[in-house]
Amino acid sequence: MAHSQTTIKQTAGHDALGEFAPKFAELNDDVLFGEVWSRTDKLSLRDRSIVTVTALVSSGIIDTSLMHHLQNAKKNGVTRTEIAEILTQVAFYAGWPKAWGAFRMAKDIWKEETSAEDAKEKFQQEMIFPIGEPNTAYAKYFTGNSYLSRVSDSQIPFANVTFEPRCRNNWHIHKASKGGGQMLVGVAGCGWYQEEGKPAQKILPGTVIHIPANVKHWHGAAADSWFAHLAFEIPGEKTENVWLEPVTDEEYDKL
């Protein structure tokens, strides 16, 4: 799956050492993070986090720097199960005491994710398509966490989109002067689709939703279920996705 490049903003160097060591602060914030970490079109943030955590633990750096990068790893989509497996692997090559120290931090950082990650892994077993990576490129248009797996990039491009419970995208419109729109096919779990001014429709595995162009709508997971659907973009002329306001908790809870 191709990644779009993301610019990482970092000010820790300037905040801590800007006056004492301005050049070091510049290299830390503008070069390391602003350039190297921002090359997400070459290597995803998730993979960069895994490499960085492995390097720090291997070097015996088990301090606030590792804490920061473990927190980033979690934010960038590394799961509780994955970090446990990563540190177990590192222990055999870098040393048992180093891994022990890292596990103490990781256990605290991922402690609230235990049940959620178990549910996510169980949900993955319910469907043949992968959950994929965190949908960071469109995160600002979603309430809650979503995941994206590009299934096909040729002939008919489509993706598998996974929503955690209560996650939904903003109201939006697939604009087109001719053709266009979107088709959804339920894959696993239970979700909702709603057009403006109409009752919400439940989406279950096998449910097919045809979304006309130029119609305001949203879709996402039910409150008590993970949910995944395939999303097919329908070809058209002058197509454009217009993202609008979030679906409020008040609107959502009426379901």
C-alpha atoms as a PDB file:
ATOM      1  CA  MET A   1       0.000   0.000   0.000  1.00  0.00           C
ATOM      2  CA  ALA A   2       1.399   3.399  -0.929  1.00  0.00           C
ATOM      3  CA  HIS A   3       1.835   6.031   1.752  1.00  0.00           C
ATOM      4  CA  SER A   4       1.391   9.762   1.293  1.00  0.00           C
ATOM      5  CA  GLN A   5       4.143  11.901   2.773  1.00  0.00           C
ATOM      6  CA  THR A   6       3.349  13.530   6.120  1.00  0.00           C
ATOM      7  CA  THR A   7       5.252  16.460   7.620  1.00  0.00           C
ATOM      8  CA  ILE A   8       6.123  15.827  11.275  1.00  0.00           C
ATOM      9  CA  LYS A   9       6.196  18.901  13.495  1.00  0.00           C
ATOM     10  CA  GLN A  10       8.569  18.711  16.479  1.00  0.00           C
ATOM     11  CA  THR A  11       9.600  21.453  18.904  1.00  0.00           C
ATOM     12  CA  ALA A  12      11.185  19.475  21.751  1.00  0.00           C
ATOM     13  CA  GLY A  13      14.732  20.420  20.712  1.00  0.00           C
ATOM     14  CA  HIS A  14      13.977  24.117  20.460  1.00  0.00           C
ATOM     15  CA  ASP A  15      12.007  24.056  23.726  1.00  0.00           C
ATOM     16  CA  ALA A  16      14.718  22.284  25.751  1.00  0.00           C
ATOM     17  CA  LEU A  17      17.964  23.353  24.081  1.00  0.00           C
ATOM     18  CA  GLY A  18      17.116  26.257  21.791  1.00  0.00           C
ATOM     19  CA  GLU A  19      19.220  28.774  23.685  1.00  0.00           C
ATOM     20  CA  PHE A  20      21.954  26.422  24.918  1.00  0.00           C
ATOM     21  CA  ALA A  21      22.524  24.447  21.700  1.00  0.00           C
ATOM     22  CA  PRO A  22      20.542  26.025  18.857  1.00  0.00           C
ATOM     23  CA  LYS A  23      22.205  23.934  16.133  1.00  0.00           C
ATOM     24  CA  PHE A  24      21.468  20.658  17.937  1.00  0.00           C
ATOM     25  CA  ALA A  25      17.875  21.807  18.440  1.00  0.00           C
ATOM     26  CA  GLU A  26      17.604  22.585  14.723  1.00  0.00           C
ATOM     27  CA  LEU A  27      19.022  19.180  13.717  1.00  0.00           C
ATOM     28  CA  ASN A  28      16.663  17.387  16.125  1.00  0.00           C
ATOM     29  CA  ASP A  29      13.457  19.208  15.190  1.00  0.00           C
ATOM     30  CA  ASP A  30      13.952  20.247  11.580  1.00  0.00           C
ATOM     31  CA  VAL A  31      16.182  17.495  10.189  1.00  0.00           C
ATOM     32  CA  LEU A  32      15.539  14.325  12.226  1.00  0.00           C
ATOM     33  CA  PHE A  33      11.783  14.847  12.552  1.00  0.00           C
ATOM     34  CA  GLY A  34      11.039  17.458   9.888  1.00  0.00           C
ATOM     35  CA  GLU A  35      12.892  15.541   7.159  1.00  0.00           C
ATOM     36  CA  VAL A  36      13.776  11.946   8.130  1.00  0.00           C
ATOM     37  CA  TRP A  37      10.616  11.043  10.103  1.00  0.00           C
ATOM     38  CA  SER A  38       8.527  12.913   7.522  1.00  0.00           C
ATOM     39  CA  ARG A  39       9.577  10.583   4.684  1.00  0.00           C
ATOM     40  CA  THR A  40       6.415   8.566   5.199  1.00  0.00           C
ATOM     41  CA  ASP A  41       6.097   7.943   1.478  1.00  0.00           C
ATOM     42  CA  LYS A  42       9.226   5.745   1.834  1.00  0.00           C
ATOM     43  CA  LEU A  43       8.574   4.129   5.228  1.00  0.00           C
ATOM     44  CA  SER A  44       5.418   4.448   7.319  1.00  0.00           C
ATOM     45  CA  LEU A  45       5.364   6.122  10.744  1.00  0.00           C
ATOM     46  CA  ARG A  46       4.436   2.744  12.245  1.00  0.00           C
ATOM     47  CA  ASP A  47       7.528   1.065  10.786  1.00  0.00           C
ATOM     48  CA  ARG A  48       9.778   3.989  11.776  1.00  0.00           C
ATOM     49  CA  SER A  49       8.485   3.695  15.342  1.00  0.00           C
ATOM     50  CA  ILE A  50       9.307  -0.030  15.426  1.00  0.00           C
ATOM     51  CA  VAL A  51      12.844   0.611  14.110  1.00  0.00           C
ATOM     52  CA  THR A  52      13.418   3.446  16.598  1.00  0.00           C
ATOM     53  CA  VAL A  53      12.146   1.519  19.634  1.00  0.00           C
ATOM     54  CA  THR A  54      14.307  -1.458  18.658  1.00  0.00           C
ATOM     55  CA  ALA A  55      17.395   0.754  18.267  1.00  0.00           C
ATOM     56  CA  LEU A  56      16.871   2.516  21.607  1.00  0.00           C
ATOM     57  CA  VAL A  57      16.308  -0.696  23.579  1.00  0.00           C
ATOM     58  CA  SER A  58      19.305  -2.337  21.895  1.00  0.00           C
ATOM     59  CA  SER A  59      21.443   0.633  22.952  1.00  0.00           C
ATOM     60  CA  GLY A  60      20.238   0.376  26.549  1.00  0.00           C
ATOM     61  CA  ILE A  61      18.422   3.718  26.379  1.00  0.00           C
ATOM     62  CA  ILE A  62      15.490   3.050  28.690  1.00  0.00           C
ATOM     63  CA  ASP A  63      14.585   6.574  29.786  1.00  0.00           C
ATOM     64  CA  THR A  64      12.143   9.325  28.818  1.00  0.00           C
ATOM     65  CA  SER A  65      13.358   9.095  25.220  1.00  0.00           C
ATOM     66  CA  LEU A  66      12.165   5.488  24.982  1.00  0.00           C
ATOM     67  CA  MET A  67       8.947   6.436  26.787  1.00  0.00           C
ATOM     68  CA  HIS A  68       8.281   9.113  24.161  1.00  0.00           C
ATOM     69  CA  HIS A  69       8.913   6.723  21.273  1.00  0.00           C
ATOM     70  CA  LEU A  70       6.780   3.965  22.822  1.00  0.00           C
ATOM     71  CA  GLN A  71       3.928   6.460  23.127  1.00  0.00           C
ATOM     72  CA  ASN A  72       4.497   7.444  19.496  1.00  0.00           C
ATOM     73  CA  ALA A  73       4.531   3.771  18.471  1.00  0.00           C
ATOM     74  CA  LYS A  74       1.125   3.293  20.070  1.00  0.00           C
ATOM     75  CA  LYS A  75      -0.187   6.456  18.370  1.00  0.00           C
ATOM     76  CA  ASN A  76       1.215   5.236  15.050  1.00  0.00           C
ATOM     77  CA  GLY A  77      -0.707   1.967  15.247  1.00  0.00           C
ATOM     78  CA  VAL A  78       1.585  -0.537  17.003  1.00  0.00           C
ATOM     79  CA  THR A  79      -0.697  -2.786  19.054  1.00  0.00           C
ATOM     80  CA  ARG A  80      -0.178  -4.235  22.510  1.00  0.00           C
ATOM     81  CA  THR A  81       0.354  -7.687  21.026  1.00  0.00           C
ATOM     82  CA  GLU A  82       2.871  -6.355  18.501  1.00  0.00           C
ATOM     83  CA  ILE A  83       4.981  -4.393  21.021  1.00  0.00           C
ATOM     84  CA  ALA A  84       5.130  -7.458  23.275  1.00  0.00           C
ATOM     85  CA  GLU A  85       6.353  -9.552  20.340  1.00  0.00           C
ATOM     86  CA  ILE A  86       8.848  -6.870  19.253  1.00  0.00           C
ATOM     87  CA  LEU A  87      10.403  -6.595  22.729  1.00  0.00           C
ATOM     88  CA  THR A  88      10.519 -10.377  23.103  1.00  0.00           C
ATOM     89  CA  GLN A  89      12.464 -10.592  19.825  1.00  0.00           C
ATOM     90  CA  VAL A  90      14.791  -7.760  20.873  1.00  0.00           C
ATOM     91  CA  ALA A  91      15.500  -9.462  24.216  1.00  0.00           C
ATOM     92  CA  PHE A  92      17.267 -12.393  22.538  1.00  0.00           C
ATOM     93  CA  TYR A  93      19.555 -10.124  20.492  1.00  0.00           C
ATOM     94  CA  ALA A  94      20.040  -7.052  22.699  1.00  0.00           C
ATOM     95  CA  GLY A  95      19.823  -8.444  26.220  1.00  0.00           C
ATOM     96  CA  TRP A  96      17.232  -9.611  28.712  1.00  0.00           C
ATOM     97  CA  PRO A  97      17.605  -6.737  31.256  1.00  0.00           C
ATOM     98  CA  LYS A  98      17.110  -4.117  28.504  1.00  0.00           C
ATOM     99  CA  ALA A  99      13.890  -5.784  27.395  1.00  0.00           C
ATOM    100  CA  TRP A 100      12.679  -6.045  31.002  1.00  0.00           C
ATOM    101  CA  GLY A 101      13.099  -2.290  31.404  1.00  0.00           C
ATOM    102  CA  ALA A 102      11.285  -1.591  28.154  1.00  0.00           C
ATOM    103  CA  PHE A 103       8.439  -3.967  29.092  1.00  0.00           C
ATOM    104  CA  ARG A 104       7.839  -1.996  32.315  1.00  0.00           C
ATOM    105  CA  MET A 105       7.209   1.139  30.253  1.00  0.00           C
ATOM    106  CA  ALA A 106       5.223  -0.593  27.510  1.00  0.00           C
ATOM    107  CA  LYS A 107       2.949  -2.304  30.033  1.00  0.00           C
ATOM    108  CA  ASP A 108       1.910   1.087  31.430  1.00  0.00           C
ATOM    109  CA  ILE A 109       1.492   2.736  28.022  1.00  0.00           C
ATOM    110  CA  TRP A 110      -0.685  -0.047  26.587  1.00  0.00           C
ATOM    111  CA  LYS A 111      -2.525  -0.978  29.815  1.00  0.00           C
ATOM    112  CA  GLU A 112      -5.801   0.670  28.743  1.00  0.00           C
ATOM    113  CA  GLU A 113      -5.672  -0.995  25.336  1.00  0.00           C
ATOM    114  CA  THR A 114      -5.746  -4.591  26.517  1.00  0.00           C
ATOM    115  CA  SER A 115      -9.416  -5.323  25.999  1.00  0.00           C
ATOM    116  CA  ALA A 116      -9.645  -3.177  22.861  1.00  0.00           C
ATOM    117  CA  GLU A 117      -6.708  -4.942  21.227  1.00  0.00           C
ATOM    118  CA  ASP A 118      -8.114  -8.350  22.139  1.00  0.00           C
ATOM    119  CA  ALA A 119     -11.392  -7.341  20.498  1.00  0.00           C
ATOM    120  CA  LYS A 120      -9.576  -6.041  17.427  1.00  0.00           C
ATOM    121  CA  GLU A 121      -7.614  -9.266  17.014  1.00  0.00           C
ATOM    122  CA  LYS A 122     -10.762 -11.326  17.461  1.00  0.00           C
ATOM    123  CA  PHE A 123     -12.523  -9.183  14.857  1.00  0.00           C
ATOM    124  CA  GLN A 124      -9.686  -9.760  12.378  1.00  0.00           C
ATOM    125  CA  GLN A 125     -10.362 -13.499  12.615  1.00  0.00           C
ATOM    126  CA  GLU A 126     -13.971 -12.902  11.504  1.00  0.00           C
ATOM    127  CA  MET A 127     -13.079 -11.593   8.037  1.00  0.00           C
ATOM    128  CA  ILE A 128     -10.835 -12.550   5.149  1.00  0.00           C
ATOM    129  CA  PHE A 129      -9.652  -9.006   4.404  1.00  0.00           C
ATOM    130  CA  PRO A 130      -6.917  -7.489   6.596  1.00  0.00           C
ATOM    131  CA  ILE A 131      -7.751  -4.659   8.973  1.00  0.00           C
ATOM    132  CA  GLY A 132      -4.764  -2.782   7.599  1.00  0.00           C
ATOM    133  CA  GLU A 133      -2.969   0.239   8.997  1.00  0.00           C
ATOM    134  CA  PRO A 134      -4.362   3.181  10.981  1.00  0.00           C
ATOM    135  CA  ASN A 135      -6.199   5.504   8.619  1.00  0.00           C
ATOM    136  CA  THR A 136      -3.998   8.464   9.578  1.00  0.00           C
ATOM    137  CA  ALA A 137      -4.346  10.313   6.275  1.00  0.00           C
ATOM    138  CA  TYR A 138      -8.096  10.801   6.886  1.00  0.00           C
ATOM    139  CA  ALA A 139      -8.102  10.727  10.704  1.00  0.00           C
ATOM    140  CA  LYS A 140      -9.295  14.347  10.916  1.00  0.00           C
ATOM    141  CA  TYR A 141     -12.489  13.334   9.110  1.00  0.00           C
ATOM    142  CA  PHE A 142     -13.316  10.507  11.562  1.00  0.00           C
ATOM    143  CA  THR A 143     -14.595  10.329  15.127  1.00  0.00           C
ATOM    144  CA  GLY A 144     -12.688   7.427  16.709  1.00  0.00           C
ATOM    145  CA  ASN A 145     -10.089   5.120  15.184  1.00  0.00           C
ATOM    146  CA  SER A 146     -10.365   3.641  11.710  1.00  0.00           C
ATOM    147  CA  TYR A 147      -8.091   1.404   9.640  1.00  0.00           C
ATOM    148  CA  LEU A 148      -7.524   1.102   5.907  1.00  0.00           C
ATOM    149  CA  SER A 149      -6.387  -1.784   3.725  1.00  0.00           C
ATOM    150  CA  ARG A 150      -6.122  -1.170  -0.010  1.00  0.00           C
ATOM    151  CA  VAL A 151      -7.429  -4.352  -1.647  1.00  0.00           C
ATOM    152  CA  SER A 152      -7.084  -3.375  -5.324  1.00  0.00           C
ATOM    153  CA  ASP A 153      -5.357  -0.503  -7.128  1.00  0.00           C
ATOM    154  CA  SER A 154      -6.221  -1.612 -10.677  1.00  0.00           C
ATOM    155  CA  GLN A 155      -9.351  -2.230 -12.796  1.00  0.00           C
ATOM    156  CA  ILE A 156     -11.799  -1.438  -9.972  1.00  0.00           C
ATOM    157  CA  PRO A 157      -9.888   0.203  -7.091  1.00  0.00           C
ATOM    158  CA  PHE A 158     -11.389  -0.512  -3.677  1.00  0.00           C
ATOM    159  CA  ALA A 159     -10.379  -0.726  -0.030  1.00  0.00           C
ATOM    160  CA  ASN A 160     -11.436  -2.444   3.173  1.00  0.00           C
ATOM    161  CA  VAL A 161     -12.233   0.139   5.846  1.00  0.00           C
ATOM    162  CA  THR A 162     -12.463  -0.976   9.485  1.00  0.00           C
ATOM    163  CA  PHE A 163     -14.063   1.048  12.301  1.00  0.00           C
ATOM    164  CA  GLU A 164     -13.720   0.493  16.038  1.00  0.00           C
ATOM    165  CA  PRO A 165     -16.990   0.631  18.021  1.00  0.00           C
ATOM    166  CA  ARG A 166     -18.636   4.094  17.805  1.00  0.00           C
ATOM    167  CA  CYS A 167     -16.195   5.215  15.099  1.00  0.00           C
ATOM    168  CA  ARG A 168     -17.798   7.000  12.162  1.00  0.00           C
ATOM    169  CA  ASN A 169     -16.742   9.391   9.435  1.00  0.00           C
ATOM    170  CA  ASN A 170     -17.961  12.963   9.097  1.00  0.00           C
ATOM    171  CA  TRP A 171     -20.900  13.933   6.972  1.00  0.00           C
ATOM    172  CA  HIS A 172     -19.553  14.117   3.430  1.00  0.00           C
ATOM    173  CA  ILE A 173     -20.545  14.296  -0.240  1.00  0.00           C
ATOM    174  CA  HIS A 174     -19.114  12.495  -3.270  1.00  0.00           C
ATOM    175  CA  LYS A 175     -19.573  15.257  -5.813  1.00  0.00           C
ATOM    176  CA  ALA A 176     -19.692  14.581  -9.558  1.00  0.00           C
ATOM    177  CA  SER A 177     -21.138  16.268 -12.627  1.00  0.00           C
ATOM    178  CA  LYS A 178     -21.842  12.863 -14.150  1.00  0.00           C
ATOM    179  CA  GLY A 179     -21.675   9.337 -12.701  1.00  0.00           C
ATOM    180  CA  GLY A 180     -19.709   9.158  -9.460  1.00  0.00           C
ATOM    181  CA  GLY A 181     -20.870   8.149  -6.005  1.00  0.00           C
ATOM    182  CA  GLN A 182     -19.760   5.184  -3.912  1.00  0.00           C
ATOM    183  CA  MET A 183     -20.773   1.603  -3.153  1.00  0.00           C
ATOM    184  CA  LEU A 184     -20.290  -0.068   0.232  1.00  0.00           C
ATOM    185  CA  VAL A 185     -20.386  -3.810   0.926  1.00  0.00           C
ATOM    186  CA  GLY A 186     -20.571  -4.974   4.547  1.00  0.00           C
ATOM    187  CA  VAL A 187     -17.749  -7.398   5.411  1.00  0.00           C
ATOM    188  CA  ALA A 188     -17.943  -8.053   9.159  1.00  0.00           C
ATOM    189  CA  GLY A 189     -19.552  -6.686  12.306  1.00  0.00           C
ATOM    190  CA  CYS A 190     -22.403  -4.200  12.391  1.00  0.00           C
ATOM    191  CA  GLY A 191     -22.493  -0.622  11.151  1.00  0.00           C
ATOM    192  CA  TRP A 192     -24.687   2.267  10.049  1.00  0.00           C
ATOM    193  CA  TYR A 193     -25.253   4.302   6.900  1.00  0.00           C
ATOM    194  CA  GLN A 194     -27.340   7.458   6.855  1.00  0.00           C
ATOM    195  CA  GLU A 195     -28.291  10.029   4.234  1.00  0.00           C
ATOM    196  CA  GLU A 196     -29.265  13.505   5.344  1.00  0.00           C
ATOM    197  CA  GLY A 197     -32.954  13.705   6.191  1.00  0.00           C
ATOM    198  CA  LYS A 198     -33.470   9.921   6.105  1.00  0.00           C
ATOM    199  CA  PRO A 199     -33.423   7.174   8.773  1.00  0.00           C
ATOM    200  CA  ALA A 200     -30.132   5.356   9.293  1.00  0.00           C
ATOM    201  CA  GLN A 201     -29.741   1.930   7.674  1.00  0.00           C
ATOM    202  CA  LYS A 202     -28.021  -0.963   9.407  1.00  0.00           C
ATOM    203  CA  ILE A 203     -25.096  -2.561   7.517  1.00  0.00           C
ATOM    204  CA  LEU A 204     -24.374  -6.251   8.160  1.00  0.00           C
ATOM    205  CA  PRO A 205     -22.046  -8.677   6.324  1.00  0.00           C
ATOM    206  CA  GLY A 206     -23.306  -8.861   2.741  1.00  0.00           C
ATOM    207  CA  THR A 207     -25.334  -5.626   2.885  1.00  0.00           C
ATOM    208  CA  VAL A 208     -24.822  -3.510  -0.234  1.00  0.00           C
ATOM    209  CA  ILE A 209     -25.239   0.259  -0.018  1.00  0.00           C
ATOM    210  CA  HIS A 210     -25.426   2.372  -3.190  1.00  0.00           C
ATOM    211  CA  ILE A 211     -24.553   5.993  -2.465  1.00  0.00           C
ATOM    212  CA  PRO A 212     -25.561   8.434  -5.216  1.00  0.00           C
ATOM    213  CA  ALA A 213     -23.301  11.317  -6.151  1.00  0.00           C
ATOM    214  CA  ASN A 214     -24.024  14.698  -4.557  1.00  0.00           C
ATOM    215  CA  VAL A 215     -25.863  13.207  -1.546  1.00  0.00           C
ATOM    216  CA  LYS A 216     -24.796  14.168   1.983  1.00  0.00           C
ATOM    217  CA  HIS A 217     -24.240  11.078   4.166  1.00  0.00           C
ATOM    218  CA  TRP A 218     -22.047   9.294   6.724  1.00  0.00           C
ATOM    219  CA  HIS A 219     -21.219   5.705   7.700  1.00  0.00           C
ATOM    220  CA  GLY A 220     -19.496   3.941  10.564  1.00  0.00           C
ATOM    221  CA  ALA A 221     -19.657   1.288  13.278  1.00  0.00           C
ATOM    222  CA  ALA A 222     -22.429   0.480  15.717  1.00  0.00           C
ATOM    223  CA  ALA A 223     -21.797   1.449  19.340  1.00  0.00           C
ATOM    224  CA  ASP A 224     -21.186  -2.120  20.490  1.00  0.00           C
ATOM    225  CA  SER A 225     -19.446  -3.651  17.476  1.00  0.00           C
ATOM    226  CA  TRP A 226     -16.335  -3.454  15.354  1.00  0.00           C
ATOM    227  CA  PHE A 227     -17.317  -2.987  11.718  1.00  0.00           C
ATOM    228  CA  ALA A 228     -15.719  -3.310   8.278  1.00  0.00           C
ATOM    229  CA  HIS A 229     -16.943  -2.561   4.784  1.00  0.00           C
ATOM    230  CA  LEU A 230     -15.483  -2.548   1.293  1.00  0.00           C
ATOM    231  CA  ALA A 231     -15.601   0.902  -0.303  1.00  0.00           C
ATOM    232  CA  PHE A 232     -15.823   1.205  -4.106  1.00  0.00           C
ATOM    233  CA  GLU A 233     -15.428   4.634  -5.695  1.00  0.00           C
ATOM    234  CA  ILE A 234     -17.678   4.884  -8.759  1.00  0.00           C
ATOM    235  CA  PRO A 235     -16.021   6.550 -11.777  1.00  0.00           C
ATOM    236  CA  GLY A 236     -17.476   9.853 -12.900  1.00  0.00           C
ATOM    237  CA  GLU A 237     -16.720  13.278 -14.246  1.00  0.00           C
ATOM    238  CA  LYS A 238     -15.414  16.147 -12.107  1.00  0.00           C
ATOM    239  CA  THR A 239     -15.456  13.935  -9.002  1.00  0.00           C
ATOM    240  CA  GLU A 240     -14.555  15.381  -5.619  1.00  0.00           C
ATOM    241  CA  ASN A 241     -15.018  14.273  -2.015  1.00  0.00           C
ATOM    242  CA  VAL A 242     -16.222  17.136   0.175  1.00  0.00           C
ATOM    243  CA  TRP A 243     -15.820  16.555   3.926  1.00  0.00           C
ATOM    244  CA  LEU A 244     -18.244  18.332   6.232  1.00  0.00           C
ATOM    245  CA  GLU A 245     -19.081  18.490   9.957  1.00  0.00           C
ATOM    246  CA  PRO A 246     -18.699  15.498  12.326  1.00  0.00           C
ATOM    247  CA  VAL A 247     -21.656  13.347  13.343  1.00  0.00           C
ATOM    248  CA  THR A 248     -22.249  14.546  16.909  1.00  0.00           C
ATOM    249  CA  ASP A 249     -22.638  12.183  19.852  1.00  0.00           C
ATOM    250  CA  GLU A 250     -26.213  13.448  20.202  1.00  0.00           C
ATOM    251  CA  GLU A 251     -27.027  12.475  16.606  1.00  0.00           C
ATOM    252  CA  TYR A 252     -25.214   9.165  16.881  1.00  0.00           C
ATOM    253  CA  ASP A 253     -26.745   8.161  20.220  1.00  0.00           C
ATOM    254  CA  LYS A 254     -30.256   8.502  18.749  1.00  0.00           C
ATOM    255  CA  LEU A 255     -29.515   5.342  16.769  1.00  0.00           C
END
